[in-house]
Amino acid sequence: MNHKELIAAMAAKMNAPKSVVADLLEKTVATCTELLVEEKTIGFQSFGNFEVRKKEERLSVHPATQVRTLVPPKLVVNFKQSTILKDKLKDLPHE
């Protein structure tokens, strides 16, 4: 699902104009981004938590040339799903 499809789906559920939903989604994403930049955890009840974690410096090896490169430490966003979401996904058929 892309950005426009998400806005259309949300607008249908909320019975609201797409422009209002697009503005709400834009502000939600901007707020979440600001909080993650401040390294705060964001929790959505029955969905999951987003948090910033630090990946340590590591040594990487290129598989074709065997050249070793030092990968510097970096911050990444981690998502941990809630138990409710996990249970809903567990019930889906596997293909």
N, C-alpha and C. Protein backbone atom coordinates (compact mmCIF):
# COMPACT_ATOMS: atom_id res chain seq x y z
N MET A 1 0.85 -1.17 0.00
CA MET A 1 0.00 0.00 0.00
C MET A 1 0.90 1.24 0.00
N ASN A 2 0.62 2.15 -0.91
CA ASN A 2 1.41 3.38 -0.96
C ASN A 2 0.71 4.50 -0.19
N HIS A 3 1.32 5.68 -0.21
CA HIS A 3 0.84 6.83 0.56
C HIS A 3 -0.60 7.21 0.19
N LYS A 4 -0.87 7.31 -1.11
CA LYS A 4 -2.21 7.71 -1.57
C LYS A 4 -3.26 6.67 -1.19
N GLU A 5 -2.91 5.40 -1.30
CA GLU A 5 -3.84 4.33 -0.95
C GLU A 5 -4.13 4.33 0.54
N LEU A 6 -3.11 4.61 1.36
CA LEU A 6 -3.31 4.69 2.80
C LEU A 6 -4.25 5.84 3.15
N ILE A 7 -4.04 6.99 2.54
CA ILE A 7 -4.91 8.14 2.78
C ILE A 7 -6.34 7.82 2.38
N ALA A 8 -6.53 7.17 1.24
CA ALA A 8 -7.88 6.82 0.78
C ALA A 8 -8.54 5.83 1.74
N ALA A 9 -7.80 4.84 2.22
CA ALA A 9 -8.35 3.86 3.15
C ALA A 9 -8.73 4.51 4.48
N MET A 10 -7.86 5.39 4.97
CA MET A 10 -8.15 6.09 6.23
C MET A 10 -9.35 7.02 6.08
N ALA A 11 -9.43 7.72 4.95
CA ALA A 11 -10.55 8.63 4.71
C ALA A 11 -11.87 7.87 4.67
N ALA A 12 -11.86 6.69 4.07
CA ALA A 12 -13.08 5.87 4.01
C ALA A 12 -13.50 5.42 5.41
N LYS A 13 -12.54 5.00 6.24
CA LYS A 13 -12.86 4.56 7.61
C LYS A 13 -13.32 5.71 8.48
N MET A 14 -12.73 6.90 8.28
CA MET A 14 -13.05 8.06 9.11
C MET A 14 -14.24 8.84 8.56
N ASN A 15 -14.65 8.53 7.34
CA ASN A 15 -15.71 9.28 6.67
C ASN A 15 -15.34 10.76 6.65
N ALA A 16 -14.10 11.04 6.22
CA ALA A 16 -13.57 12.40 6.19
C ALA A 16 -12.95 12.67 4.83
N PRO A 17 -12.80 13.94 4.48
CA PRO A 17 -12.16 14.28 3.20
C PRO A 17 -10.69 13.85 3.18
N LYS A 18 -10.25 13.47 1.99
CA LYS A 18 -8.86 13.01 1.84
C LYS A 18 -7.87 14.09 2.24
N SER A 19 -8.20 15.36 1.98
CA SER A 19 -7.28 16.45 2.32
C SER A 19 -7.06 16.55 3.82
N VAL A 20 -8.11 16.34 4.60
CA VAL A 20 -8.00 16.38 6.06
C VAL A 20 -7.16 15.20 6.56
N VAL A 21 -7.42 14.03 6.00
CA VAL A 21 -6.68 12.83 6.39
C VAL A 21 -5.21 12.95 5.99
N ALA A 22 -4.94 13.50 4.80
CA ALA A 22 -3.56 13.68 4.34
C ALA A 22 -2.81 14.61 5.29
N ASP A 23 -3.46 15.69 5.73
CA ASP A 23 -2.84 16.62 6.66
C ASP A 23 -2.57 15.95 8.01
N LEU A 24 -3.54 15.17 8.49
CA LEU A 24 -3.39 14.46 9.75
C LEU A 24 -2.24 13.46 9.68
N LEU A 25 -2.17 12.71 8.58
CA LEU A 25 -1.10 11.72 8.41
C LEU A 25 0.26 12.40 8.33
N GLU A 26 0.34 13.50 7.60
CA GLU A 26 1.60 14.24 7.47
C GLU A 26 2.08 14.74 8.83
N LYS A 27 1.18 15.28 9.63
CA LYS A 27 1.55 15.79 10.95
C LYS A 27 1.91 14.64 11.90
N THR A 28 1.25 13.51 11.77
CA THR A 28 1.57 12.35 12.60
C THR A 28 2.98 11.85 12.30
N VAL A 29 3.30 11.73 11.03
CA VAL A 29 4.62 11.26 10.62
C VAL A 29 5.69 12.27 11.06
N ALA A 30 5.42 13.56 10.91
CA ALA A 30 6.38 14.59 11.31
C ALA A 30 6.63 14.53 12.82
N THR A 31 5.58 14.36 13.60
CA THR A 31 5.72 14.27 15.05
C THR A 31 6.50 13.03 15.44
N CYS A 32 6.19 11.90 14.83
CA CYS A 32 6.92 10.65 15.12
C CYS A 32 8.39 10.80 14.76
N THR A 33 8.68 11.43 13.63
CA THR A 33 10.06 11.64 13.22
C THR A 33 10.81 12.50 14.23
N GLU A 34 10.18 13.59 14.69
CA GLU A 34 10.80 14.46 15.69
C GLU A 34 11.12 13.68 16.97
N LEU A 35 10.17 12.86 17.41
CA LEU A 35 10.38 12.09 18.64
C LEU A 35 11.49 11.06 18.48
N LEU A 36 11.57 10.42 17.34
CA LEU A 36 12.63 9.45 17.11
C LEU A 36 13.99 10.12 17.02
N VAL A 37 14.05 11.31 16.43
CA VAL A 37 15.31 12.06 16.37
C VAL A 37 15.77 12.40 17.79
N GLU A 38 14.82 12.64 18.68
CA GLU A 38 15.14 12.90 20.09
C GLU A 38 15.41 11.60 20.86
N GLU A 39 15.42 10.48 20.13
CA GLU A 39 15.67 9.14 20.67
C GLU A 39 14.64 8.73 21.73
N LYS A 40 13.39 9.11 21.50
CA LYS A 40 12.30 8.70 22.38
C LYS A 40 11.57 7.53 21.75
N THR A 41 10.96 6.70 22.58
CA THR A 41 10.19 5.56 22.11
C THR A 41 8.77 5.99 21.81
N ILE A 42 8.21 5.47 20.73
CA ILE A 42 6.83 5.76 20.35
C ILE A 42 6.05 4.46 20.42
N GLY A 43 4.98 4.44 21.21
CA GLY A 43 4.17 3.24 21.36
C GLY A 43 2.76 3.46 20.86
N PHE A 44 2.30 2.53 20.03
CA PHE A 44 0.92 2.53 19.56
C PHE A 44 0.24 1.30 20.15
N GLN A 45 -0.71 1.55 21.02
CA GLN A 45 -1.39 0.44 21.70
C GLN A 45 -2.00 -0.50 20.67
N SER A 46 -1.85 -1.76 20.87
CA SER A 46 -2.31 -2.86 20.02
C SER A 46 -1.61 -2.90 18.65
N PHE A 47 -0.56 -2.12 18.47
CA PHE A 47 0.21 -2.17 17.22
C PHE A 47 1.67 -2.50 17.51
N GLY A 48 2.35 -1.65 18.28
CA GLY A 48 3.74 -1.93 18.62
C GLY A 48 4.50 -0.68 19.01
N ASN A 49 5.81 -0.83 19.22
CA ASN A 49 6.68 0.26 19.64
C ASN A 49 7.80 0.48 18.64
N PHE A 50 8.10 1.76 18.40
CA PHE A 50 9.24 2.16 17.60
C PHE A 50 10.25 2.78 18.54
N GLU A 51 11.52 2.36 18.43
CA GLU A 51 12.55 2.95 19.27
C GLU A 51 13.86 3.04 18.50
N VAL A 52 14.70 3.97 18.91
CA VAL A 52 16.00 4.15 18.27
C VAL A 52 17.02 3.32 19.04
N ARG A 53 17.80 2.55 18.29
CA ARG A 53 18.86 1.73 18.89
C ARG A 53 20.17 2.05 18.20
N LYS A 54 21.25 1.88 18.94
CA LYS A 54 22.57 2.12 18.39
C LYS A 54 23.17 0.79 17.94
N LYS A 55 23.58 0.75 16.66
CA LYS A 55 24.30 -0.42 16.16
C LYS A 55 25.78 -0.13 16.33
N GLU A 56 26.48 -1.05 16.93
CA GLU A 56 27.90 -0.88 17.21
C GLU A 56 28.72 -0.97 15.93
N GLU A 57 29.93 -0.46 16.02
CA GLU A 57 30.89 -0.56 14.93
C GLU A 57 31.16 -2.04 14.66
N ARG A 58 31.30 -2.38 13.36
CA ARG A 58 31.55 -3.79 13.04
C ARG A 58 32.42 -3.90 11.80
N LEU A 59 32.95 -5.08 11.61
CA LEU A 59 33.79 -5.37 10.45
C LEU A 59 32.94 -6.10 9.41
N SER A 60 32.95 -5.59 8.18
CA SER A 60 32.18 -6.19 7.10
C SER A 60 33.15 -6.75 6.06
N VAL A 61 32.80 -7.90 5.48
CA VAL A 61 33.64 -8.52 4.46
C VAL A 61 32.84 -8.62 3.16
N HIS A 62 33.40 -8.04 2.08
CA HIS A 62 32.76 -8.12 0.77
C HIS A 62 32.88 -9.57 0.29
N PRO A 63 31.77 -10.24 -0.03
CA PRO A 63 31.84 -11.67 -0.37
C PRO A 63 32.63 -12.00 -1.64
N ALA A 64 32.62 -11.11 -2.62
CA ALA A 64 33.31 -11.42 -3.87
C ALA A 64 34.81 -11.15 -3.78
N THR A 65 35.19 -10.06 -3.13
CA THR A 65 36.61 -9.67 -3.11
C THR A 65 37.31 -9.98 -1.78
N GLN A 66 36.55 -10.33 -0.76
CA GLN A 66 37.07 -10.60 0.58
C GLN A 66 37.74 -9.37 1.22
N VAL A 67 37.42 -8.18 0.69
CA VAL A 67 37.96 -6.94 1.26
C VAL A 67 37.20 -6.62 2.54
N ARG A 68 37.94 -6.34 3.60
CA ARG A 68 37.31 -6.02 4.89
C ARG A 68 37.15 -4.50 5.01
N THR A 69 36.00 -4.10 5.50
CA THR A 69 35.69 -2.69 5.67
C THR A 69 35.12 -2.48 7.07
N LEU A 70 35.52 -1.40 7.71
CA LEU A 70 35.00 -1.06 9.02
C LEU A 70 33.73 -0.24 8.84
N VAL A 71 32.61 -0.75 9.35
CA VAL A 71 31.33 -0.05 9.27
C VAL A 71 31.18 0.74 10.57
N PRO A 72 31.02 2.07 10.46
CA PRO A 72 30.94 2.89 11.67
C PRO A 72 29.64 2.66 12.43
N PRO A 73 29.59 3.04 13.70
CA PRO A 73 28.36 2.88 14.46
C PRO A 73 27.27 3.79 13.89
N LYS A 74 26.02 3.38 14.05
CA LYS A 74 24.92 4.21 13.54
C LYS A 74 23.67 3.96 14.37
N LEU A 75 22.73 4.88 14.25
CA LEU A 75 21.44 4.75 14.92
C LEU A 75 20.41 4.21 13.93
N VAL A 76 19.61 3.26 14.36
CA VAL A 76 18.57 2.67 13.51
C VAL A 76 17.26 2.64 14.28
N VAL A 77 16.15 2.63 13.55
CA VAL A 77 14.83 2.52 14.16
C VAL A 77 14.46 1.04 14.22
N ASN A 78 14.04 0.61 15.40
CA ASN A 78 13.62 -0.77 15.61
C ASN A 78 12.13 -0.79 15.92
N PHE A 79 11.42 -1.79 15.40
CA PHE A 79 10.00 -1.94 15.67
C PHE A 79 9.77 -3.26 16.37
N LYS A 80 9.03 -3.20 17.47
CA LYS A 80 8.65 -4.42 18.17
C LYS A 80 7.13 -4.48 18.18
N GLN A 81 6.59 -5.52 17.56
CA GLN A 81 5.13 -5.64 17.45
C GLN A 81 4.51 -6.00 18.79
N SER A 82 3.26 -5.55 18.96
CA SER A 82 2.55 -5.87 20.20
C SER A 82 2.06 -7.31 20.15
N THR A 83 1.69 -7.82 21.31
CA THR A 83 1.16 -9.19 21.39
C THR A 83 -0.14 -9.30 20.60
N ILE A 84 -0.95 -8.25 20.63
CA ILE A 84 -2.23 -8.26 19.90
C ILE A 84 -1.98 -8.39 18.40
N LEU A 85 -1.06 -7.60 17.87
CA LEU A 85 -0.74 -7.68 16.44
C LEU A 85 -0.13 -9.03 16.10
N LYS A 86 0.75 -9.51 16.96
CA LYS A 86 1.40 -10.81 16.74
C LYS A 86 0.36 -11.92 16.65
N ASP A 87 -0.64 -11.89 17.55
CA ASP A 87 -1.69 -12.90 17.54
C ASP A 87 -2.55 -12.81 16.29
N LYS A 88 -2.85 -11.61 15.83
CA LYS A 88 -3.64 -11.44 14.60
C LYS A 88 -2.89 -11.97 13.38
N LEU A 89 -1.57 -11.72 13.34
CA LEU A 89 -0.78 -12.20 12.21
C LEU A 89 -0.60 -13.72 12.24
N LYS A 90 -0.59 -14.27 13.45
CA LYS A 90 -0.44 -15.71 13.60
C LYS A 90 -1.62 -16.47 12.99
N ASP A 91 -2.80 -15.86 13.01
CA ASP A 91 -4.02 -16.50 12.51
C ASP A 91 -4.14 -16.45 10.98
N LEU A 92 -3.28 -15.68 10.32
CA LEU A 92 -3.36 -15.59 8.85
C LEU A 92 -2.83 -16.86 8.21
N PRO A 93 -3.38 -17.23 7.06
CA PRO A 93 -2.88 -18.45 6.39
C PRO A 93 -1.48 -18.22 5.83
N HIS A 94 -0.63 -19.23 5.91
CA HIS A 94 0.73 -19.15 5.38
C HIS A 94 0.74 -19.66 3.95
N GLU A 95 1.47 -18.99 3.11
CA GLU A 95 1.55 -19.43 1.72
C GLU A 95 2.91 -19.96 1.42
